[in-house]
PDB file of all heavy atoms in Angstrom:
ATOM      1  N   GLU A   1      38.680   4.982  18.508  1.00  0.00           N
ATOM      2  CA  GLU A   1      37.529   5.282  19.350  1.00  0.00           C
ATOM      3  C   GLU A   1      37.791   4.985  20.816  1.00  0.00           C
ATOM      4  O   GLU A   1      37.246   5.632  21.700  1.00  0.00           O
ATOM      5  CB  GLU A   1      36.311   4.483  18.887  1.00  0.00           C
ATOM      6  CG  GLU A   1      35.841   4.827  17.481  1.00  0.00           C
ATOM      7  CD  GLU A   1      34.690   3.956  17.040  1.00  0.00           C
ATOM      8  OE1 GLU A   1      34.517   2.860  17.615  1.00  0.00           O
ATOM      9  OE2 GLU A   1      33.961   4.361  16.120  1.00  0.00           O
ATOM     10  N   THR A   2      38.602   3.998  21.092  1.00  0.00           N
ATOM     11  CA  THR A   2      38.903   3.588  22.460  1.00  0.00           C
ATOM     12  C   THR A   2      40.232   2.847  22.452  1.00  0.00           C
ATOM     13  O   THR A   2      40.666   2.335  21.411  1.00  0.00           O
ATOM     14  CB  THR A   2      37.787   2.691  23.020  1.00  0.00           C
ATOM     15  OG1 THR A   2      38.042   2.413  24.401  1.00  0.00           O
ATOM     16  CG2 THR A   2      37.684   1.379  22.250  1.00  0.00           C
ATOM     17  N   ASP A   3      40.905   2.800  23.587  1.00  0.00           N
ATOM     18  CA  ASP A   3      42.190   2.100  23.674  1.00  0.00           C
ATOM     19  C   ASP A   3      42.001   0.602  23.454  1.00  0.00           C
ATOM     20  O   ASP A   3      41.028   0.003  23.939  1.00  0.00           O
ATOM     21  CB  ASP A   3      42.830   2.332  25.039  1.00  0.00           C
ATOM     22  CG  ASP A   3      43.371   3.747  25.201  1.00  0.00           C
ATOM     23  OD1 ASP A   3      43.565   4.422  24.173  1.00  0.00           O
ATOM     24  OD2 ASP A   3      43.600   4.156  26.352  1.00  0.00           O
ATOM     25  N   VAL A   4      42.952   0.018  22.732  1.00  0.00           N
ATOM     26  CA  VAL A   4      42.940  -1.419  22.465  1.00  0.00           C
ATOM     27  C   VAL A   4      44.263  -2.006  22.932  1.00  0.00           C
ATOM     28  O   VAL A   4      45.333  -1.465  22.633  1.00  0.00           O
ATOM     29  CB  VAL A   4      42.726  -1.704  20.961  1.00  0.00           C
ATOM     30  CG1 VAL A   4      42.886  -3.193  20.665  1.00  0.00           C
ATOM     31  CG2 VAL A   4      41.350  -1.224  20.523  1.00  0.00           C
ATOM     32  N   VAL A   5      44.180  -3.110  23.679  1.00  0.00           N
ATOM     33  CA  VAL A   5      45.385  -3.751  24.209  1.00  0.00           C
ATOM     34  C   VAL A   5      45.668  -5.036  23.451  1.00  0.00           C
ATOM     35  O   VAL A   5      44.770  -5.674  22.887  1.00  0.00           O
ATOM     36  CB  VAL A   5      45.253  -4.048  25.715  1.00  0.00           C
ATOM     37  CG1 VAL A   5      45.097  -2.753  26.506  1.00  0.00           C
ATOM     38  CG2 VAL A   5      44.084  -4.985  25.996  1.00  0.00           C
ATOM     39  N   LEU A   6      46.949  -5.416  23.457  1.00  0.00           N
ATOM     40  CA  LEU A   6      47.396  -6.669  22.857  1.00  0.00           C
ATOM     41  C   LEU A   6      47.676  -7.658  23.979  1.00  0.00           C
ATOM     42  O   LEU A   6      48.453  -7.371  24.896  1.00  0.00           O
ATOM     43  CB  LEU A   6      48.658  -6.434  22.025  1.00  0.00           C
ATOM     44  CG  LEU A   6      49.344  -7.674  21.450  1.00  0.00           C
ATOM     45  CD1 LEU A   6      48.431  -8.426  20.479  1.00  0.00           C
ATOM     46  CD2 LEU A   6      50.659  -7.279  20.757  1.00  0.00           C
ATOM     47  N   LEU A   7      47.025  -8.820  23.907  1.00  0.00           N
ATOM     48  CA  LEU A   7      47.202  -9.880  24.896  1.00  0.00           C
ATOM     49  C   LEU A   7      47.887 -11.069  24.236  1.00  0.00           C
ATOM     50  O   LEU A   7      47.447 -11.545  23.183  1.00  0.00           O
ATOM     51  CB  LEU A   7      45.853 -10.314  25.469  1.00  0.00           C
ATOM     52  CG  LEU A   7      44.998  -9.199  26.087  1.00  0.00           C
ATOM     53  CD1 LEU A   7      43.596  -9.691  26.360  1.00  0.00           C
ATOM     54  CD2 LEU A   7      45.639  -8.701  27.369  1.00  0.00           C
ATOM     55  N   ILE A   8      48.967 -11.534  24.846  1.00  0.00           N
ATOM     56  CA  ILE A   8      49.691 -12.714  24.378  1.00  0.00           C
ATOM     57  C   ILE A   8      49.551 -13.789  25.450  1.00  0.00           C
ATOM     58  O   ILE A   8      50.111 -13.664  26.543  1.00  0.00           O
ATOM     59  CB  ILE A   8      51.184 -12.404  24.128  1.00  0.00           C
ATOM     60  CG1 ILE A   8      51.356 -11.183  23.213  1.00  0.00           C
ATOM     61  CG2 ILE A   8      51.889 -13.630  23.560  1.00  0.00           C
ATOM     62  CD1 ILE A   8      50.912 -11.399  21.787  1.00  0.00           C
ATOM     63  N   ASP A   9      48.784 -14.831  25.181  1.00  0.00           N
ATOM     64  CA  ASP A   9      48.437 -15.829  26.194  1.00  0.00           C
ATOM     65  C   ASP A   9      47.826 -15.107  27.408  1.00  0.00           C
ATOM     66  O   ASP A   9      46.797 -14.466  27.275  1.00  0.00           O
ATOM     67  CB  ASP A   9      49.649 -16.685  26.557  1.00  0.00           C
ATOM     68  CG  ASP A   9      50.030 -17.645  25.434  1.00  0.00           C
ATOM     69  OD1 ASP A   9      49.143 -18.059  24.666  1.00  0.00           O
ATOM     70  OD2 ASP A   9      51.220 -17.988  25.306  1.00  0.00           O
ATOM     71  N   ASP A  10      48.455 -15.176  28.563  1.00  0.00           N
ATOM     72  CA  ASP A  10      47.869 -14.556  29.754  1.00  0.00           C
ATOM     73  C   ASP A  10      48.469 -13.189  30.073  1.00  0.00           C
ATOM     74  O   ASP A  10      48.233 -12.647  31.153  1.00  0.00           O
ATOM     75  CB  ASP A  10      48.044 -15.484  30.960  1.00  0.00           C
ATOM     76  CG  ASP A  10      49.507 -15.729  31.313  1.00  0.00           C
ATOM     77  OD1 ASP A  10      50.379 -15.445  30.472  1.00  0.00           O
ATOM     78  OD2 ASP A  10      49.776 -16.215  32.436  1.00  0.00           O
ATOM     79  N   ALA A  11      49.254 -12.614  29.140  1.00  0.00           N
ATOM     80  CA  ALA A  11      49.961 -11.370  29.421  1.00  0.00           C
ATOM     81  C   ALA A  11      49.428 -10.207  28.584  1.00  0.00           C
ATOM     82  O   ALA A  11      49.268 -10.323  27.368  1.00  0.00           O
ATOM     83  CB  ALA A  11      51.460 -11.541  29.149  1.00  0.00           C
ATOM     84  N   ASP A  12      49.157  -9.087  29.250  1.00  0.00           N
ATOM     85  CA  ASP A  12      48.822  -7.834  28.590  1.00  0.00           C
ATOM     86  C   ASP A  12      50.139  -7.127  28.288  1.00  0.00           C
ATOM     87  O   ASP A  12      50.838  -6.687  29.205  1.00  0.00           O
ATOM     88  CB  ASP A  12      47.950  -6.993  29.534  1.00  0.00           C
ATOM     89  CG  ASP A  12      47.583  -5.627  28.962  1.00  0.00           C
ATOM     90  OD1 ASP A  12      48.221  -5.173  28.001  1.00  0.00           O
ATOM     91  OD2 ASP A  12      46.661  -4.990  29.520  1.00  0.00           O
ATOM     92  N   VAL A  13      50.497  -7.012  26.997  1.00  0.00           N
ATOM     93  CA  VAL A  13      51.800  -6.443  26.642  1.00  0.00           C
ATOM     94  C   VAL A  13      51.718  -4.968  26.273  1.00  0.00           C
ATOM     95  O   VAL A  13      52.741  -4.360  25.970  1.00  0.00           O
ATOM     96  CB  VAL A  13      52.478  -7.250  25.510  1.00  0.00           C
ATOM     97  CG1 VAL A  13      52.665  -8.701  25.931  1.00  0.00           C
ATOM     98  CG2 VAL A  13      51.684  -7.177  24.214  1.00  0.00           C
ATOM     99  N   GLY A  14      50.514  -4.388  26.273  1.00  0.00           N
ATOM    100  CA  GLY A  14      50.412  -2.952  26.050  1.00  0.00           C
ATOM    101  C   GLY A  14      49.409  -2.578  24.974  1.00  0.00           C
ATOM    102  O   GLY A  14      48.760  -3.425  24.362  1.00  0.00           O
ATOM    103  N   LEU A  15      49.295  -1.270  24.753  1.00  0.00           N
ATOM    104  CA  LEU A  15      48.344  -0.728  23.792  1.00  0.00           C
ATOM    105  C   LEU A  15      48.846  -0.872  22.359  1.00  0.00           C
ATOM    106  O   LEU A  15      50.055  -0.863  22.104  1.00  0.00           O
ATOM    107  CB  LEU A  15      48.079   0.745  24.084  1.00  0.00           C
ATOM    108  CG  LEU A  15      47.467   1.084  25.447  1.00  0.00           C
ATOM    109  CD1 LEU A  15      47.366   2.595  25.611  1.00  0.00           C
ATOM    110  CD2 LEU A  15      46.096   0.436  25.608  1.00  0.00           C
ATOM    111  N   VAL A  16      47.892  -0.969  21.434  1.00  0.00           N
ATOM    112  CA  VAL A  16      48.187  -1.010  20.008  1.00  0.00           C
ATOM    113  C   VAL A  16      47.530   0.195  19.351  1.00  0.00           C
ATOM    114  O   VAL A  16      46.334   0.438  19.540  1.00  0.00           O
ATOM    115  CB  VAL A  16      47.672  -2.314  19.361  1.00  0.00           C
ATOM    116  CG1 VAL A  16      47.848  -2.279  17.845  1.00  0.00           C
ATOM    117  CG2 VAL A  16      48.401  -3.512  19.946  1.00  0.00           C
ATOM    118  N   ARG A  17      48.298   0.953  18.578  1.00  0.00           N
ATOM    119  CA  ARG A  17      47.775   2.142  17.921  1.00  0.00           C
ATOM    120  C   ARG A  17      46.906   1.778  16.726  1.00  0.00           C
ATOM    121  O   ARG A  17      47.186   0.790  16.029  1.00  0.00           O
ATOM    122  CB  ARG A  17      48.922   3.041  17.453  1.00  0.00           C
ATOM    123  CG  ARG A  17      49.741   3.669  18.560  1.00  0.00           C
ATOM    124  CD  ARG A  17      50.818   4.569  17.991  1.00  0.00           C
ATOM    125  NE  ARG A  17      51.849   3.806  17.282  1.00  0.00           N
ATOM    126  CZ  ARG A  17      51.957   3.739  15.963  1.00  0.00           C
ATOM    127  NH1 ARG A  17      51.087   4.376  15.192  1.00  0.00           N
ATOM    128  NH2 ARG A  17      52.922   3.038  15.420  1.00  0.00           N
ATOM    129  N   PRO A  18      45.875   2.552  16.442  1.00  0.00           N
ATOM    130  CA  PRO A  18      45.088   2.345  15.223  1.00  0.00           C
ATOM    131  C   PRO A  18      45.987   2.414  13.983  1.00  0.00           C
ATOM    132  O   PRO A  18      46.859   3.282  13.888  1.00  0.00           O
ATOM    133  CB  PRO A  18      44.089   3.497  15.239  1.00  0.00           C
ATOM    134  CG  PRO A  18      43.970   3.862  16.678  1.00  0.00           C
ATOM    135  CD  PRO A  18      45.334   3.649  17.273  1.00  0.00           C
ATOM    136  N   GLY A  19      45.786   1.486  13.064  1.00  0.00           N
ATOM    137  CA  GLY A  19      46.564   1.442  11.838  1.00  0.00           C
ATOM    138  C   GLY A  19      47.883   0.717  11.951  1.00  0.00           C
ATOM    139  O   GLY A  19      48.526   0.442  10.927  1.00  0.00           O
ATOM    140  N   ALA A  20      48.319   0.388  13.164  1.00  0.00           N
ATOM    141  CA  ALA A  20      49.588  -0.323  13.347  1.00  0.00           C
ATOM    142  C   ALA A  20      49.351  -1.824  13.214  1.00  0.00           C
ATOM    143  O   ALA A  20      48.588  -2.394  13.993  1.00  0.00           O
ATOM    144  CB  ALA A  20      50.187   0.003  14.706  1.00  0.00           C
ATOM    145  N   PRO A  21      49.969  -2.495  12.265  1.00  0.00           N
ATOM    146  CA  PRO A  21      49.685  -3.921  12.052  1.00  0.00           C
ATOM    147  C   PRO A  21      50.245  -4.802  13.166  1.00  0.00           C
ATOM    148  O   PRO A  21      51.331  -4.555  13.695  1.00  0.00           O
ATOM    149  CB  PRO A  21      50.376  -4.215  10.719  1.00  0.00           C
ATOM    150  CG  PRO A  21      51.490  -3.220  10.644  1.00  0.00           C
ATOM    151  CD  PRO A  21      50.966  -1.967  11.307  1.00  0.00           C
ATOM    152  N   VAL A  22      49.480  -5.815  13.501  1.00  0.00           N
ATOM    153  CA  VAL A  22      49.943  -6.898  14.367  1.00  0.00           C
ATOM    154  C   VAL A  22      50.145  -8.094  13.449  1.00  0.00           C
ATOM    155  O   VAL A  22      49.176  -8.706  12.987  1.00  0.00           O
ATOM    156  CB  VAL A  22      48.922  -7.210  15.478  1.00  0.00           C
ATOM    157  CG1 VAL A  22      49.388  -8.398  16.315  1.00  0.00           C
ATOM    158  CG2 VAL A  22      48.700  -5.986  16.357  1.00  0.00           C
ATOM    159  N   ARG A  23      51.397  -8.403  13.147  1.00  0.00           N
ATOM    160  CA  ARG A  23      51.710  -9.446  12.160  1.00  0.00           C
ATOM    161  C   ARG A  23      51.884 -10.795  12.853  1.00  0.00           C
ATOM    162  O   ARG A  23      52.604 -10.906  13.844  1.00  0.00           O
ATOM    163  CB  ARG A  23      52.963  -9.065  11.381  1.00  0.00           C
ATOM    164  CG  ARG A  23      52.772  -7.827  10.513  1.00  0.00           C
ATOM    165  CD  ARG A  23      53.957  -7.575   9.606  1.00  0.00           C
ATOM    166  NE  ARG A  23      53.676  -6.502   8.671  1.00  0.00           N
ATOM    167  CZ  ARG A  23      53.938  -5.210   8.909  1.00  0.00           C
ATOM    168  NH1 ARG A  23      54.496  -4.858  10.065  1.00  0.00           N
ATOM    169  NH2 ARG A  23      53.646  -4.285   8.014  1.00  0.00           N
ATOM    170  N   LEU A  24      51.228 -11.806  12.282  1.00  0.00           N
ATOM    171  CA  LEU A  24      51.219 -13.143  12.865  1.00  0.00           C
ATOM    172  C   LEU A  24      51.821 -14.151  11.890  1.00  0.00           C
ATOM    173  O   LEU A  24      51.512 -14.131  10.699  1.00  0.00           O
ATOM    174  CB  LEU A  24      49.789 -13.570  13.203  1.00  0.00           C
ATOM    175  CG  LEU A  24      48.935 -12.576  14.005  1.00  0.00           C
ATOM    176  CD1 LEU A  24      47.525 -13.121  14.166  1.00  0.00           C
ATOM    177  CD2 LEU A  24      49.562 -12.288  15.347  1.00  0.00           C
ATOM    178  N   SER A  25      52.658 -15.021  12.399  1.00  0.00           N
ATOM    179  CA  SER A  25      53.218 -16.112  11.594  1.00  0.00           C
ATOM    180  C   SER A  25      53.428 -17.302  12.525  1.00  0.00           C
ATOM    181  O   SER A  25      53.227 -17.205  13.743  1.00  0.00           O
ATOM    182  CB  SER A  25      54.533 -15.687  10.932  1.00  0.00           C
ATOM    183  OG  SER A  25      55.483 -15.296  11.913  1.00  0.00           O
ATOM    184  N   TYR A  26      53.821 -18.437  11.969  1.00  0.00           N
ATOM    185  CA  TYR A  26      54.077 -19.596  12.815  1.00  0.00           C
ATOM    186  C   TYR A  26      55.409 -19.416  13.525  1.00  0.00           C
ATOM    187  O   TYR A  26      56.417 -19.060  12.921  1.00  0.00           O
ATOM    188  CB  TYR A  26      54.078 -20.874  11.991  1.00  0.00           C
ATOM    189  CG  TYR A  26      52.714 -21.239  11.461  1.00  0.00           C
ATOM    190  CD1 TYR A  26      52.452 -21.233  10.095  1.00  0.00           C
ATOM    191  CD2 TYR A  26      51.687 -21.573  12.329  1.00  0.00           C
ATOM    192  CE1 TYR A  26      51.196 -21.555   9.614  1.00  0.00           C
ATOM    193  CE2 TYR A  26      50.423 -21.899  11.854  1.00  0.00           C
ATOM    194  CZ  TYR A  26      50.189 -21.885  10.497  1.00  0.00           C
ATOM    195  OH  TYR A  26      48.943 -22.189  10.032  1.00  0.00           O
ATOM    196  N   GLY A  27      55.402 -19.643  14.847  1.00  0.00           N
ATOM    197  CA  GLY A  27      56.611 -19.532  15.641  1.00  0.00           C
ATOM    198  C   GLY A  27      57.255 -20.888  15.870  1.00  0.00           C
ATOM    199  O   GLY A  27      56.780 -21.927  15.400  1.00  0.00           O
ATOM    200  N   GLU A  28      58.343 -20.879  16.622  1.00  0.00           N
ATOM    201  CA  GLU A  28      59.020 -22.101  16.967  1.00  0.00           C
ATOM    202  C   GLU A  28      58.094 -22.971  17.818  1.00  0.00           C
ATOM    203  O   GLU A  28      57.493 -22.484  18.785  1.00  0.00           O
ATOM    204  CB  GLU A  28      60.295 -21.763  17.751  1.00  0.00           C
ATOM    205  CG  GLU A  28      61.264 -22.904  17.897  1.00  0.00           C
ATOM    206  CD  GLU A  28      62.571 -22.461  18.529  1.00  0.00           C
ATOM    207  OE1 GLU A  28      62.518 -21.729  19.542  1.00  0.00           O
ATOM    208  OE2 GLU A  28      63.644 -22.832  18.017  1.00  0.00           O
ATOM    209  N   PRO A  29      57.947 -24.244  17.479  1.00  0.00           N
ATOM    210  CA  PRO A  29      57.000 -25.083  18.219  1.00  0.00           C
ATOM    211  C   PRO A  29      57.459 -25.378  19.643  1.00  0.00           C
ATOM    212  O   PRO A  29      58.627 -25.184  19.997  1.00  0.00           O
ATOM    213  CB  PRO A  29      56.918 -26.354  17.376  1.00  0.00           C
ATOM    214  CG  PRO A  29      58.219 -26.399  16.670  1.00  0.00           C
ATOM    215  CD  PRO A  29      58.603 -24.972  16.396  1.00  0.00           C
ATOM    216  N   VAL A  30      56.525 -25.852  20.429  1.00  0.00           N
ATOM    217  CA  VAL A  30      56.794 -26.337  21.786  1.00  0.00           C
ATOM    218  C   VAL A  30      56.592 -27.849  21.792  1.00  0.00           C
ATOM    219  O   VAL A  30      55.666 -28.351  21.156  1.00  0.00           O
ATOM    220  CB  VAL A  30      55.852 -25.663  22.799  1.00  0.00           C
ATOM    221  CG1 VAL A  30      55.847 -26.390  24.135  1.00  0.00           C
ATOM    222  CG2 VAL A  30      56.240 -24.198  22.991  1.00  0.00           C
ATOM    223  N   THR A  31      57.470 -28.567  22.479  1.00  0.00           N
ATOM    224  CA  THR A  31      57.368 -30.024  22.576  1.00  0.00           C
ATOM    225  C   THR A  31      56.780 -30.401  23.931  1.00  0.00           C
ATOM    226  O   THR A  31      57.383 -30.132  24.976  1.00  0.00           O
ATOM    227  CB  THR A  31      58.726 -30.694  22.401  1.00  0.00           C
ATOM    228  OG1 THR A  31      59.280 -30.343  21.127  1.00  0.00           O
ATOM    229  CG2 THR A  31      58.607 -32.214  22.484  1.00  0.00           C
ATOM    230  N   LEU A  32      55.580 -30.978  23.919  1.00  0.00           N
ATOM    231  CA  LEU A  32      54.955 -31.467  25.139  1.00  0.00           C
ATOM    232  C   LEU A  32      55.373 -32.901  25.408  1.00  0.00           C
ATOM    233  O   LEU A  32      55.472 -33.720  24.479  1.00  0.00           O
ATOM    234  CB  LEU A  32      53.434 -31.382  25.039  1.00  0.00           C
ATOM    235  CG  LEU A  32      52.808 -30.005  24.805  1.00  0.00           C
ATOM    236  CD1 LEU A  32      51.289 -30.112  24.831  1.00  0.00           C
ATOM    237  CD2 LEU A  32      53.297 -28.994  25.839  1.00  0.00           C
ATOM    238  N   ALA A  33      55.622 -33.213  26.665  1.00  0.00           N
ATOM    239  CA  ALA A  33      55.923 -34.587  27.080  1.00  0.00           C
ATOM    240  C   ALA A  33      54.616 -35.223  27.543  1.00  0.00           C
ATOM    241  O   ALA A  33      54.046 -34.821  28.557  1.00  0.00           O
ATOM    242  CB  ALA A  33      56.956 -34.593  28.195  1.00  0.00           C
ATOM    243  N   ALA A  34      54.129 -36.187  26.782  1.00  0.00           N
ATOM    244  CA  ALA A  34      52.879 -36.862  27.109  1.00  0.00           C
ATOM    245  C   ALA A  34      53.195 -38.197  27.788  1.00  0.00           C
ATOM    246  O   ALA A  34      53.771 -39.094  27.179  1.00  0.00           O
ATOM    247  CB  ALA A  34      52.057 -37.096  25.838  1.00  0.00           C
TER     248      ALA A  34
END
C-alpha cells in the first residue's frame, strides 16, 4: 500500500518489499565500559 523503510538504530538502510522477510537473531554483543 505504501513504501516501508528499514531502520537500524539511527540509520535508514532502504526500502523493504512486501513479503520479503526481515530475519532477526542475536548478534555479537557489545562490551560497555562502566
